[in-house]
PDB file of N, CA and C in Angstrom:
ATOM      1  N   UNK A   1     -20.023 146.564 105.587  1.00  0.00           N
ATOM      2  CA  UNK A   1     -20.874 146.182 106.397  1.00  0.00           C
ATOM      3  C   UNK A   1     -22.204 145.891 105.916  1.00  0.00           C
ATOM      4  N   UNK A   2     -22.611 144.279 106.572  1.00  0.00           N
ATOM      5  CA  UNK A   2     -23.839 143.803 106.119  1.00  0.00           C
ATOM      6  C   UNK A   2     -24.751 143.751 107.137  1.00  0.00           C
ATOM      7  N   UNK A   3     -25.840 144.122 107.086  1.00  0.00           N
ATOM      8  CA  UNK A   3     -26.775 143.993 108.346  1.00  0.00           C
ATOM      9  C   UNK A   3     -27.640 142.608 107.763  1.00  0.00           C
ATOM     10  N   UNK A   4     -27.891 141.731 108.574  1.00  0.00           N
ATOM     11  CA  UNK A   4     -28.823 140.314 108.024  1.00  0.00           C
ATOM     12  C   UNK A   4     -30.243 140.740 109.001  1.00  0.00           C
ATOM     13  N   UNK A   5     -31.378 140.740 108.499  1.00  0.00           N
ATOM     14  CA  UNK A   5     -32.760 140.628 109.214  1.00  0.00           C
ATOM     15  C   UNK A   5     -33.894 140.562 108.654  1.00  0.00           C
ATOM     16  N   UNK A   6     -34.704 141.205 109.289  1.00  0.00           N
ATOM     17  CA  UNK A   6     -36.336 140.994 109.113  1.00  0.00           C
ATOM     18  C   UNK A   6     -36.659 142.339 108.911  1.00  0.00           C
ATOM     19  N   UNK A   7     -37.110 142.850 108.215  1.00  0.00           N
ATOM     20  CA  UNK A   7     -37.376 144.256 107.960  1.00  0.00           C
ATOM     21  C   UNK A   7     -38.219 144.834 109.240  1.00  0.00           C
ATOM     22  N   UNK A   8     -39.176 144.126 109.430  1.00  0.00           N
ATOM     23  CA  UNK A   8     -40.291 144.447 110.343  1.00  0.00           C
ATOM     24  C   UNK A   8     -40.264 143.968 111.897  1.00  0.00           C
ATOM     25  N   UNK A   9     -38.581 143.531 112.081  1.00  0.00           N
ATOM     26  CA  UNK A   9     -37.909 143.024 113.581  1.00  0.00           C
ATOM     27  C   UNK A   9     -37.791 144.529 113.917  1.00  0.00           C
ATOM     28  N   UNK A  10     -38.427 144.525 115.426  1.00  0.00           N
ATOM     29  CA  UNK A  10     -38.199 145.236 116.152  1.00  0.00           C
ATOM     30  C   UNK A  10     -36.600 145.497 116.707  1.00  0.00           C
ATOM     31  N   UNK A  11     -35.783 144.537 117.001  1.00  0.00           N
ATOM     32  CA  UNK A  11     -34.402 144.612 117.454  1.00  0.00           C
ATOM     33  C   UNK A  11     -33.359 145.387 115.858  1.00  0.00           C
ATOM     34  N   UNK A  12     -34.158 144.675 114.924  1.00  0.00           N
ATOM     35  CA  UNK A  12     -33.422 145.171 113.610  1.00  0.00           C
ATOM     36  C   UNK A  12     -33.549 146.379 113.195  1.00  0.00           C
ATOM     37  N   UNK A  13     -35.059 147.010 113.472  1.00  0.00           N
ATOM     38  CA  UNK A  13     -35.050 148.204 113.240  1.00  0.00           C
ATOM     39  C   UNK A  13     -34.401 149.128 114.139  1.00  0.00           C
ATOM     40  N   UNK A  14     -33.790 149.232 115.747  1.00  0.00           N
ATOM     41  CA  UNK A  14     -33.190 149.881 116.496  1.00  0.00           C
ATOM     42  C   UNK A  14     -31.715 149.302 115.884  1.00  0.00           C
ATOM     43  N   UNK A  15     -31.580 148.627 115.450  1.00  0.00           N
ATOM     44  CA  UNK A  15     -29.838 148.121 115.049  1.00  0.00           C
ATOM     45  C   UNK A  15     -29.594 149.166 113.534  1.00  0.00           C
ATOM     46  N   UNK A  16     -30.561 149.512 113.181  1.00  0.00           N
ATOM     47  CA  UNK A  16     -30.485 150.111 111.538  1.00  0.00           C
ATOM     48  C   UNK A  16     -30.495 151.855 111.917  1.00  0.00           C
ATOM     49  N   UNK A  17     -31.257 152.004 112.904  1.00  0.00           N
ATOM     50  CA  UNK A  17     -31.528 153.480 113.426  1.00  0.00           C
ATOM     51  C   UNK A  17     -29.955 153.713 113.947  1.00  0.00           C
ATOM     52  N   UNK A  18     -29.921 152.996 114.748  1.00  0.00           N
ATOM     53  CA  UNK A  18     -28.455 153.081 115.775  1.00  0.00           C
ATOM     54  C   UNK A  18     -27.173 153.330 114.598  1.00  0.00           C
ATOM     55  N   UNK A  19     -26.845 152.629 113.527  1.00  0.00           N
ATOM     56  CA  UNK A  19     -26.133 152.591 112.657  1.00  0.00           C
ATOM     57  C   UNK A  19     -26.234 154.121 111.775  1.00  0.00           C
ATOM     58  N   UNK A  20     -27.482 154.543 111.553  1.00  0.00           N
ATOM     59  CA  UNK A  20     -27.783 155.619 110.790  1.00  0.00           C
ATOM     60  C   UNK A  20     -27.307 156.752 111.966  1.00  0.00           C
ATOM     61  N   UNK A  21     -27.621 156.724 113.277  1.00  0.00           N
ATOM     62  CA  UNK A  21     -27.183 157.948 113.840  1.00  0.00           C
ATOM     63  C   UNK A  21     -26.128 157.725 114.039  1.00  0.00           C
ATOM     64  N   UNK A  22     -25.166 156.678 114.175  1.00  0.00           N
ATOM     65  CA  UNK A  22     -23.864 156.576 113.856  1.00  0.00           C
ATOM     66  C   UNK A  22     -22.832 157.212 113.198  1.00  0.00           C
ATOM     67  N   UNK A  23     -23.531 157.213 111.691  1.00  0.00           N
ATOM     68  CA  UNK A  23     -22.970 157.706 110.559  1.00  0.00           C
ATOM     69  C   UNK A  23     -22.247 156.662 109.772  1.00  0.00           C
ATOM     70  N   UNK A  24     -22.666 155.078 110.390  1.00  0.00           N
ATOM     71  CA  UNK A  24     -22.354 154.251 109.891  1.00  0.00           C
ATOM     72  C   UNK A  24     -22.641 153.304 108.688  1.00  0.00           C
ATOM     73  N   UNK A  25     -22.243 153.243 107.526  1.00  0.00           N
ATOM     74  CA  UNK A  25     -22.774 152.913 106.353  1.00  0.00           C
ATOM     75  C   UNK A  25     -22.900 151.114 106.111  1.00  0.00           C
ATOM     76  N   UNK A  26     -23.991 150.926 105.886  1.00  0.00           N
ATOM     77  CA  UNK A  26     -24.173 149.172 105.581  1.00  0.00           C
ATOM     78  C   UNK A  26     -25.158 149.085 105.135  1.00  0.00           C
ATOM     79  N   UNK A  27     -25.035 147.972 104.439  1.00  0.00           N
ATOM     80  CA  UNK A  27     -26.149 147.546 103.486  1.00  0.00           C
ATOM     81  C   UNK A  27     -26.853 146.796 104.217  1.00  0.00           C
ATOM     82  N   UNK A  28     -28.428 146.446 103.932  1.00  0.00           N
ATOM     83  CA  UNK A  28     -29.408 145.670 104.622  1.00  0.00           C
ATOM     84  C   UNK A  28     -29.825 144.525 103.628  1.00  0.00           C
ATOM     85  N   UNK A  29     -29.932 143.224 104.264  1.00  0.00           N
ATOM     86  CA  UNK A  29     -30.510 142.126 103.436  1.00  0.00           C
ATOM     87  C   UNK A  29     -31.487 141.181 104.284  1.00  0.00           C
ATOM     88  N   UNK A  30     -32.744 141.595 103.827  1.00  0.00           N
ATOM     89  CA  UNK A  30     -33.817 141.034 104.541  1.00  0.00           C
ATOM     90  C   UNK A  30     -33.854 139.478 104.354  1.00  0.00           C
ATOM     91  N   UNK A  31     -33.386 138.567 105.249  1.00  0.00           N
ATOM     92  CA  UNK A  31     -33.571 137.222 104.280  1.00  0.00           C
ATOM     93  C   UNK A  31     -34.767 136.592 104.829  1.00  0.00           C
ATOM     94  N   UNK A  32     -35.831 137.204 105.029  1.00  0.00           N
ATOM     95  CA  UNK A  32     -37.215 136.787 104.579  1.00  0.00           C
ATOM     96  C   UNK A  32     -37.789 136.775 103.504  1.00  0.00           C
ATOM     97  N   UNK A  33     -37.344 138.032 103.038  1.00  0.00           N
ATOM     98  CA  UNK A  33     -37.857 138.736 101.486  1.00  0.00           C
ATOM     99  C   UNK A  33     -36.959 138.364 100.620  1.00  0.00           C
ATOM    100  N   UNK A  34     -35.495 138.378 100.876  1.00  0.00           N
ATOM    101  CA  UNK A  34     -34.379 137.896  99.830  1.00  0.00           C
ATOM    102  C   UNK A  34     -33.777 136.825  99.443  1.00  0.00           C
ATOM    103  N   UNK A  35     -33.978 135.928 100.908  1.00  0.00           N
ATOM    104  CA  UNK A  35     -34.071 134.342 100.766  1.00  0.00           C
ATOM    105  C   UNK A  35     -32.438 134.670 101.692  1.00  0.00           C
ATOM    106  N   UNK A  36     -31.930 133.305 102.037  1.00  0.00           N
ATOM    107  CA  UNK A  36     -31.039 132.720 102.681  1.00  0.00           C
ATOM    108  C   UNK A  36     -30.113 131.553 102.246  1.00  0.00           C
ATOM    109  N   UNK A  37     -28.594 131.556 101.919  1.00  0.00           N
ATOM    110  CA  UNK A  37     -28.636 130.364 101.014  1.00  0.00           C
ATOM    111  C   UNK A  37     -27.556 129.750 101.800  1.00  0.00           C
ATOM    112  N   UNK A  38     -27.320 128.447 101.847  1.00  0.00           N
ATOM    113  CA  UNK A  38     -26.971 127.478 102.915  1.00  0.00           C
ATOM    114  C   UNK A  38     -25.466 127.650 103.027  1.00  0.00           C
ATOM    115  N   UNK A  39     -24.847 128.011 102.172  1.00  0.00           N
ATOM    116  CA  UNK A  39     -23.171 128.872 102.014  1.00  0.00           C
ATOM    117  C   UNK A  39     -23.090 129.315 103.279  1.00  0.00           C
ATOM    118  N   UNK A  40     -24.134 130.437 102.873  1.00  0.00           N
ATOM    119  CA  UNK A  40     -24.121 131.410 103.805  1.00  0.00           C
ATOM    120  C   UNK A  40     -24.543 131.405 105.328  1.00  0.00           C
ATOM    121  N   UNK A  41     -25.598 130.485 105.447  1.00  0.00           N
ATOM    122  CA  UNK A  41     -25.801 130.188 106.681  1.00  0.00           C
ATOM    123  C   UNK A  41     -24.474 129.207 107.896  1.00  0.00           C
ATOM    124  N   UNK A  42     -24.037 128.293 106.763  1.00  0.00           N
ATOM    125  CA  UNK A  42     -22.811 127.885 106.974  1.00  0.00           C
ATOM    126  C   UNK A  42     -21.567 128.493 107.445  1.00  0.00           C
ATOM    127  N   UNK A  43     -21.328 129.718 107.026  1.00  0.00           N
ATOM    128  CA  UNK A  43     -20.332 130.403 107.237  1.00  0.00           C
ATOM    129  C   UNK A  43     -20.605 131.199 108.811  1.00  0.00           C
ATOM    130  N   UNK A  44     -21.785 131.518 108.677  1.00  0.00           N
ATOM    131  CA  UNK A  44     -22.126 132.262 110.222  1.00  0.00           C
ATOM    132  C   UNK A  44     -22.070 131.193 111.195  1.00  0.00           C
ATOM    133  N   UNK A  45     -22.831 129.853 111.309  1.00  0.00           N
ATOM    134  CA  UNK A  45     -22.526 128.707 112.017  1.00  0.00           C
ATOM    135  C   UNK A  45     -21.167 128.426 112.409  1.00  0.00           C
ATOM    136  N   UNK A  46     -20.067 128.691 111.252  1.00  0.00           N
ATOM    137  CA  UNK A  46     -18.771 128.132 112.014  1.00  0.00           C
ATOM    138  C   UNK A  46     -17.925 129.128 112.596  1.00  0.00           C
ATOM    139  N   UNK A  47     -18.730 130.324 112.268  1.00  0.00           N
ATOM    140  CA  UNK A  47     -18.192 131.710 112.903  1.00  0.00           C
ATOM    141  C   UNK A  47     -18.486 131.788 114.382  1.00  0.00           C
ATOM    142  N   UNK A  48     -19.399 131.740 114.820  1.00  0.00           N
ATOM    143  CA  UNK A  48     -20.351 131.961 115.588  1.00  0.00           C
ATOM    144  C   UNK A  48     -21.260 130.525 116.136  1.00  0.00           C
ATOM    145  N   UNK A  49     -21.594 129.524 115.495  1.00  0.00           N
ATOM    146  CA  UNK A  49     -22.166 128.437 116.281  1.00  0.00           C
ATOM    147  C   UNK A  49     -23.800 128.525 115.900  1.00  0.00           C
ATOM    148  N   UNK A  50     -24.122 127.719 115.546  1.00  0.00           N
ATOM    149  CA  UNK A  50     -25.564 127.417 115.165  1.00  0.00           C
ATOM    150  C   UNK A  50     -26.084 127.468 116.766  1.00  0.00           C
ATOM    151  N   UNK A  51     -25.663 127.148 117.781  1.00  0.00           N
ATOM    152  CA  UNK A  51     -26.297 127.654 119.368  1.00  0.00           C
ATOM    153  C   UNK A  51     -26.477 129.068 119.119  1.00  0.00           C
ATOM    154  N   UNK A  52     -25.850 129.886 118.894  1.00  0.00           N
ATOM    155  CA  UNK A  52     -25.847 131.586 119.007  1.00  0.00           C
ATOM    156  C   UNK A  52     -27.137 132.168 117.909  1.00  0.00           C
ATOM    157  N   UNK A  53     -26.906 131.350 116.988  1.00  0.00           N
ATOM    158  CA  UNK A  53     -27.637 131.799 115.758  1.00  0.00           C
ATOM    159  C   UNK A  53     -29.532 131.428 115.789  1.00  0.00           C
ATOM    160  N   UNK A  54     -29.440 130.365 116.476  1.00  0.00           N
ATOM    161  CA  UNK A  54     -31.099 129.759 117.007  1.00  0.00           C
ATOM    162  C   UNK A  54     -31.431 130.578 117.801  1.00  0.00           C
ATOM    163  N   UNK A  55     -32.845 131.123 117.633  1.00  0.00           N
ATOM    164  CA  UNK A  55     -33.449 132.565 118.703  1.00  0.00           C
ATOM    165  C   UNK A  55     -34.430 131.334 119.716  1.00  0.00           C
ATOM    166  N   UNK A  56     -34.090 130.865 120.669  1.00  0.00           N
ATOM    167  CA  UNK A  56     -35.193 130.359 121.108  1.00  0.00           C
ATOM    168  C   UNK A  56     -35.831 130.991 122.025  1.00  0.00           C
ATOM    169  N   UNK A  57     -36.122 132.483 121.803  1.00  0.00           N
ATOM    170  CA  UNK A  57     -36.558 133.163 122.773  1.00  0.00           C
ATOM    171  C   UNK A  57     -38.014 133.661 121.737  1.00  0.00           C
ATOM    172  N   UNK A  58     -37.899 133.397 120.777  1.00  0.00           N
ATOM    173  CA  UNK A  58     -39.079 133.988 119.520  1.00  0.00           C
ATOM    174  C   UNK A  58     -40.222 133.224 119.418  1.00  0.00           C
ATOM    175  N   UNK A  59     -41.094 133.460 118.840  1.00  0.00           N
ATOM    176  CA  UNK A  59     -42.102 132.701 118.884  1.00  0.00           C
ATOM    177  C   UNK A  59     -42.661 131.698 117.778  1.00  0.00           C
ATOM    178  N   UNK A  60     -41.631 131.740 116.932  1.00  0.00           N
ATOM    179  CA  UNK A  60     -40.946 130.584 116.026  1.00  0.00           C
ATOM    180  C   UNK A  60     -40.584 129.367 116.597  1.00  0.00           C
ATOM    181  N   UNK A  61     -39.341 129.573 117.380  1.00  0.00           N
ATOM    182  CA  UNK A  61     -39.163 128.666 118.213  1.00  0.00           C
ATOM    183  C   UNK A  61     -40.331 127.650 119.098  1.00  0.00           C
ATOM    184  N   UNK A  62     -41.230 128.703 119.688  1.00  0.00           N
ATOM    185  CA  UNK A  62     -42.033 128.456 120.736  1.00  0.00           C
ATOM    186  C   UNK A  62     -43.600 127.403 120.266  1.00  0.00           C
ATOM    187  N   UNK A  63     -43.255 127.745 118.858  1.00  0.00           N
ATOM    188  CA  UNK A  63     -44.195 126.815 117.635  1.00  0.00           C
ATOM    189  C   UNK A  63     -44.136 125.596 117.443  1.00  0.00           C
ATOM    190  N   UNK A  64     -42.800 125.429 117.420  1.00  0.00           N
ATOM    191  CA  UNK A  64     -42.334 123.875 117.102  1.00  0.00           C
ATOM    192  C   UNK A  64     -42.866 123.367 118.232  1.00  0.00           C
ATOM    193  N   UNK A  65     -42.815 121.863 117.748  1.00  0.00           N
ATOM    194  CA  UNK A  65     -43.387 120.670 118.202  1.00  0.00           C
ATOM    195  C   UNK A  65     -42.318 120.348 119.818  1.00  0.00           C
ATOM    196  N   UNK A  66     -42.637 120.072 120.312  1.00  0.00           N
ATOM    197  CA  UNK A  66     -41.604 119.437 121.725  1.00  0.00           C
ATOM    198  C   UNK A  66     -40.434 118.693 121.513  1.00  0.00           C
ATOM    199  N   UNK A  67     -40.911 117.310 120.330  1.00  0.00           N
ATOM    200  CA  UNK A  67     -39.971 116.621 119.458  1.00  0.00           C
ATOM    201  C   UNK A  67     -38.573 117.350 119.054  1.00  0.00           C
ATOM    202  N   UNK A  68     -39.373 118.168 118.176  1.00  0.00           N
ATOM    203  CA  UNK A  68     -38.516 118.901 117.381  1.00  0.00           C
ATOM    204  C   UNK A  68     -37.256 119.903 118.344  1.00  0.00           C
ATOM    205  N   UNK A  69     -37.872 120.655 119.350  1.00  0.00           N
ATOM    206  CA  UNK A  69     -36.862 121.663 120.351  1.00  0.00           C
ATOM    207  C   UNK A  69     -35.857 120.551 120.880  1.00  0.00           C
ATOM    208  N   UNK A  70     -36.853 119.232 121.383  1.00  0.00           N
ATOM    209  CA  UNK A  70     -35.991 118.246 122.639  1.00  0.00           C
ATOM    210  C   UNK A  70     -34.716 117.747 121.504  1.00  0.00           C
ATOM    211  N   UNK A  71     -35.081 117.722 120.479  1.00  0.00           N
ATOM    212  CA  UNK A  71     -33.652 116.713 119.513  1.00  0.00           C
ATOM    213  C   UNK A  71     -33.325 117.871 119.046  1.00  0.00           C
ATOM    214  N   UNK A  72     -33.259 119.054 118.685  1.00  0.00           N
ATOM    215  CA  UNK A  72     -32.272 119.919 118.006  1.00  0.00           C
ATOM    216  C   UNK A  72     -30.920 119.600 118.154  1.00  0.00           C
ATOM    217  N   UNK A  73     -30.227 119.580 116.825  1.00  0.00           N
ATOM    218  CA  UNK A  73     -28.988 118.977 116.868  1.00  0.00           C
ATOM    219  C   UNK A  73     -28.257 119.958 115.364  1.00  0.00           C
ATOM    220  N   UNK A  74     -27.202 119.978 115.412  1.00  0.00           N
ATOM    221  CA  UNK A  74     -26.588 120.934 114.519  1.00  0.00           C
ATOM    222  C   UNK A  74     -27.194 120.941 113.065  1.00  0.00           C
ATOM    223  N   UNK A  75     -27.325 120.087 112.551  1.00  0.00           N
ATOM    224  CA  UNK A  75     -27.924 119.359 111.296  1.00  0.00           C
ATOM    225  C   UNK A  75     -29.143 120.131 111.140  1.00  0.00           C
ATOM    226  N   UNK A  76     -30.575 119.642 111.917  1.00  0.00           N
ATOM    227  CA  UNK A  76     -31.570 119.722 112.129  1.00  0.00           C
ATOM    228  C   UNK A  76     -31.601 121.304 112.451  1.00  0.00           C
ATOM    229  N   UNK A  77     -30.975 122.072 112.960  1.00  0.00           N
ATOM    230  CA  UNK A  77     -30.832 123.746 113.307  1.00  0.00           C
ATOM    231  C   UNK A  77     -30.746 124.338 111.863  1.00  0.00           C
ATOM    232  N   UNK A  78     -29.819 123.525 111.415  1.00  0.00           N
ATOM    233  CA  UNK A  78     -29.120 124.293 110.020  1.00  0.00           C
ATOM    234  C   UNK A  78     -30.559 124.213 108.870  1.00  0.00           C
ATOM    235  N   UNK A  79     -31.066 122.883 109.165  1.00  0.00           N
ATOM    236  CA  UNK A  79     -32.236 122.802 108.197  1.00  0.00           C
ATOM    237  C   UNK A  79     -33.343 123.741 108.444  1.00  0.00           C
ATOM    238  N   UNK A  80     -33.618 123.553 109.912  1.00  0.00           N
ATOM    239  CA  UNK A  80     -35.021 124.399 110.371  1.00  0.00           C
ATOM    240  C   UNK A  80     -34.535 125.987 109.756  1.00  0.00           C
ATOM    241  N   UNK A  81     -33.436 126.538 110.375  1.00  0.00           N
ATOM    242  CA  UNK A  81     -32.579 127.913 109.680  1.00  0.00           C
ATOM    243  C   UNK A  81     -33.035 128.271 108.462  1.00  0.00           C
ATOM    244  N   UNK A  82     -32.525 127.172 107.559  1.00  0.00           N
ATOM    245  CA  UNK A  82     -32.903 127.494 105.961  1.00  0.00           C
ATOM    246  C   UNK A  82     -34.252 127.741 105.630  1.00  0.00           C
ATOM    247  N   UNK A  83     -35.140 127.043 106.282  1.00  0.00           N
ATOM    248  CA  UNK A  83     -36.331 126.775 106.135  1.00  0.00           C
ATOM    249  C   UNK A  83     -37.377 127.855 106.737  1.00  0.00           C
ATOM    250  N   UNK A  84     -37.150 128.366 107.836  1.00  0.00           N
ATOM    251  CA  UNK A  84     -37.763 129.601 108.326  1.00  0.00           C
ATOM    252  C   UNK A  84     -36.714 130.495 108.850  1.00  0.00           C
ATOM    253  N   UNK A  85     -36.092 131.291 107.971  1.00  0.00           N
ATOM    254  CA  UNK A  85     -35.182 132.283 108.700  1.00  0.00           C
ATOM    255  C   UNK A  85     -35.887 133.092 109.908  1.00  0.00           C
ATOM    256  N   UNK A  86     -36.870 133.200 110.322  1.00  0.00           N
ATOM    257  CA  UNK A  86     -37.735 133.755 111.131  1.00  0.00           C
ATOM    258  C   UNK A  86     -37.018 133.477 112.493  1.00  0.00           C
ATOM    259  N   UNK A  87     -36.361 132.144 112.475  1.00  0.00           N
ATOM    260  CA  UNK A  87     -36.398 131.639 113.954  1.00  0.00           C
ATOM    261  C   UNK A  87     -34.475 131.884 113.726  1.00  0.00           C
ATOM    262  N   UNK A  88     -33.726 132.572 113.093  1.00  0.00           N
ATOM    263  CA  UNK A  88     -32.645 133.238 113.381  1.00  0.00           C
ATOM    264  C   UNK A  88     -32.423 134.129 114.372  1.00  0.00           C
ATOM    265  N   UNK A  89     -31.429 134.299 115.026  1.00  0.00           N
ATOM    266  CA  UNK A  89     -31.317 135.696 116.057  1.00  0.00           C
ATOM    267  C   UNK A  89     -31.125 136.747 115.120  1.00  0.00           C
ATOM    268  N   UNK A  90     -31.405 137.967 115.058  1.00  0.00           N
ATOM    269  CA  UNK A  90     -31.226 139.207 114.437  1.00  0.00           C
ATOM    270  C   UNK A  90     -30.946 140.170 115.690  1.00  0.00           C
ATOM    271  N   UNK A  91     -30.412 140.968 114.708  1.00  0.00           N
ATOM    272  CA  UNK A  91     -29.762 141.114 113.576  1.00  0.00           C
ATOM    273  C   UNK A  91     -28.360 140.469 113.573  1.00  0.00           C
ATOM    274  N   UNK A  92     -28.209 139.459 112.312  1.00  0.00           N
ATOM    275  CA  UNK A  92     -26.684 139.247 112.158  1.00  0.00           C
ATOM    276  C   UNK A  92     -25.883 140.135 110.759  1.00  0.00           C
ATOM    277  N   UNK A  93     -24.777 140.847 111.379  1.00  0.00           N
ATOM    278  CA  UNK A  93     -24.143 141.565 110.274  1.00  0.00           C
ATOM    279  C   UNK A  93     -22.478 140.719 110.505  1.00  0.00           C
ATOM    280  N   UNK A  94     -22.645 141.080 109.499  1.00  0.00           N
ATOM    281  CA  UNK A  94     -20.981 140.775 108.575  1.00  0.00           C
ATOM    282  C   UNK A  94     -20.156 142.127 108.542  1.00  0.00           C
ATOM    283  N   UNK A  95     -19.136 142.396 109.426  1.00  0.00           N
ATOM    284  CA  UNK A  95     -17.857 143.650 109.137  1.00  0.00           C
ATOM    285  C   UNK A  95     -16.374 142.770 109.048  1.00  0.00           C
ATOM    286  N   UNK A  96     -16.192 143.316 107.801  1.00  0.00           N
ATOM    287  CA  UNK A  96     -15.227 142.810 107.516  1.00  0.00           C
ATOM    288  C   UNK A  96     -14.970 140.819 107.762  1.00  0.00           C
ATOM    289  N   UNK A  97     -14.153 140.521 108.380  1.00  0.00           N
ATOM    290  CA  UNK A  97     -14.015 138.841 108.469  1.00  0.00           C
ATOM    291  C   UNK A  97     -14.943 138.631 109.465  1.00  0.00           C
ATOM    292  N   UNK A  98     -15.149 139.403 110.642  1.00  0.00           N
ATOM    293  CA  UNK A  98     -16.453 139.045 111.440  1.00  0.00           C
ATOM    294  C   UNK A  98     -17.848 139.255 111.568  1.00  0.00           C
ATOM    295  N   UNK A  99     -17.797 138.198 112.298  1.00  0.00           N
ATOM    296  CA  UNK A  99     -19.657 137.710 112.536  1.00  0.00           C
ATOM    297  C   UNK A  99     -20.105 138.284 113.923  1.00  0.00           C
ATOM    298  N   UNK A 100     -21.218 138.851 113.984  1.00  0.00           N
ATOM    299  CA  UNK A 100     -21.782 139.359 115.285  1.00  0.00           C
ATOM    300  C   UNK A 100     -23.366 139.158 115.402  1.00  0.00           C
ATOM    301  N   UNK A 101     -24.015 138.719 116.353  1.00  0.00           N
ATOM    302  CA  UNK A 101     -25.334 138.235 116.202  1.00  0.00           C
ATOM    303  C   UNK A 101     -26.259 138.809 117.511  1.00  0.00           C
ATOM    304  N   UNK A 102     -27.334 139.529 116.983  1.00  0.00           N
ATOM    305  CA  UNK A 102     -27.992 140.541 118.321  1.00  0.00           C
ATOM    306  C   UNK A 102     -27.670 141.653 117.908  1.00  0.00           C
ATOM    307  N   UNK A 103     -28.397 142.759 118.972  1.00  0.00           N
ATOM    308  CA  UNK A 103     -28.054 144.117 118.958  1.00  0.00           C
ATOM    309  C   UNK A 103     -28.175 144.840 120.353  1.00  0.00           C
ATOM    310  N   UNK A 104     -27.195 145.500 121.057  1.00  0.00           N
ATOM    311  CA  UNK A 104     -26.842 146.020 122.066  1.00  0.00           C
ATOM    312  C   UNK A 104     -26.029 147.244 121.815  1.00  0.00           C
ATOM    313  N   UNK A 105     -26.708 148.578 122.089  1.00  0.00           N
ATOM    314  CA  UNK A 105     -25.863 149.808 121.444  1.00  0.00           C
ATOM    315  C   UNK A 105     -24.660 149.628 122.342  1.00  0.00           C
ATOM    316  N   UNK A 106     -24.500 149.484 123.279  1.00  0.00           N
ATOM    317  CA  UNK A 106     -23.079 149.617 124.347  1.00  0.00           C
ATOM    318  C   UNK A 106     -21.999 148.536 123.346  1.00  0.00           C
ATOM    319  N   UNK A 107     -22.259 147.560 123.160  1.00  0.00           N
ATOM    320  CA  UNK A 107     -21.528 146.436 122.679  1.00  0.00           C
ATOM    321  C   UNK A 107     -21.068 146.657 121.409  1.00  0.00           C
ATOM    322  N   UNK A 108     -22.164 147.591 120.308  1.00  0.00           N
ATOM    323  CA  UNK A 108     -21.727 147.526 119.090  1.00  0.00           C
ATOM    324  C   UNK A 108     -21.043 148.984 118.996  1.00  0.00           C
ATOM    325  N   UNK A 109     -21.093 150.125 120.025  1.00  0.00           N
ATOM    326  CA  UNK A 109     -20.140 151.146 119.848  1.00  0.00           C
ATOM    327  C   UNK A 109     -18.667 151.149 120.439  1.00  0.00           C
ATOM    328  N   UNK A 110     -18.375 149.527 120.865  1.00  0.00           N
ATOM    329  CA  UNK A 110     -16.977 149.350 121.307  1.00  0.00           C
ATOM    330  C   UNK A 110     -16.734 148.779 119.835  1.00  0.00           C
ATOM    331  N   UNK A 111     -17.372 147.855 119.443  1.00  0.00           N
ATOM    332  CA  UNK A 111     -17.477 146.635 118.147  1.00  0.00           C
ATOM    333  C   UNK A 111     -16.936 147.550 116.966  1.00  0.00           C
ATOM    334  N   UNK A 112     -18.004 148.650 116.516  1.00  0.00           N
ATOM    335  CA  UNK A 112     -18.015 149.203 115.643  1.00  0.00           C
ATOM    336  C   UNK A 112     -17.517 150.682 115.709  1.00  0.00           C
ATOM    337  N   UNK A 113     -16.822 150.820 116.678  1.00  0.00           N
ATOM    338  CA  UNK A 113     -16.579 152.847 116.581  1.00  0.00           C
ATOM    339  C   UNK A 113     -14.761 152.977 115.382  1.00  0.00           C
ATOM    340  N   UNK A 114     -14.476 152.180 114.964  1.00  0.00           N
ATOM    341  CA  UNK A 114     -13.809 152.480 113.767  1.00  0.00           C
ATOM    342  C   UNK A 114     -14.361 152.467 112.373  1.00  0.00           C
ATOM    343  N   UNK A 115     -15.449 151.794 112.292  1.00  0.00           N
ATOM    344  CA  UNK A 115     -16.131 151.434 110.887  1.00  0.00           C
ATOM    345  C   UNK A 115     -16.472 152.328 109.807  1.00  0.00           C
TER     346      UNK A 115
END
């Protein structure tokens, strides 16, 4: 299992703590510090959709000019997420062939019960 996010993100901190409490081994990749390549982002987009990956609730999204937010498309979202990984909803988890986005303890308990 590999967990992607930003080290100081509160949701990522909660997710990592939950995994540790459950005894679930995982690797952590800070995509703000360690980077994110286009092919990896493309795999996530194919698995969950760019709309799921794009965090429209965060400050990074709110700071964008209206014309960028109003005309967002798959291609512009891809470029935006590569340029500024902070706009990706966190955490992103790769578990086997599955990709999931976000953290909810109840959902994770069901999803990773056999991890």
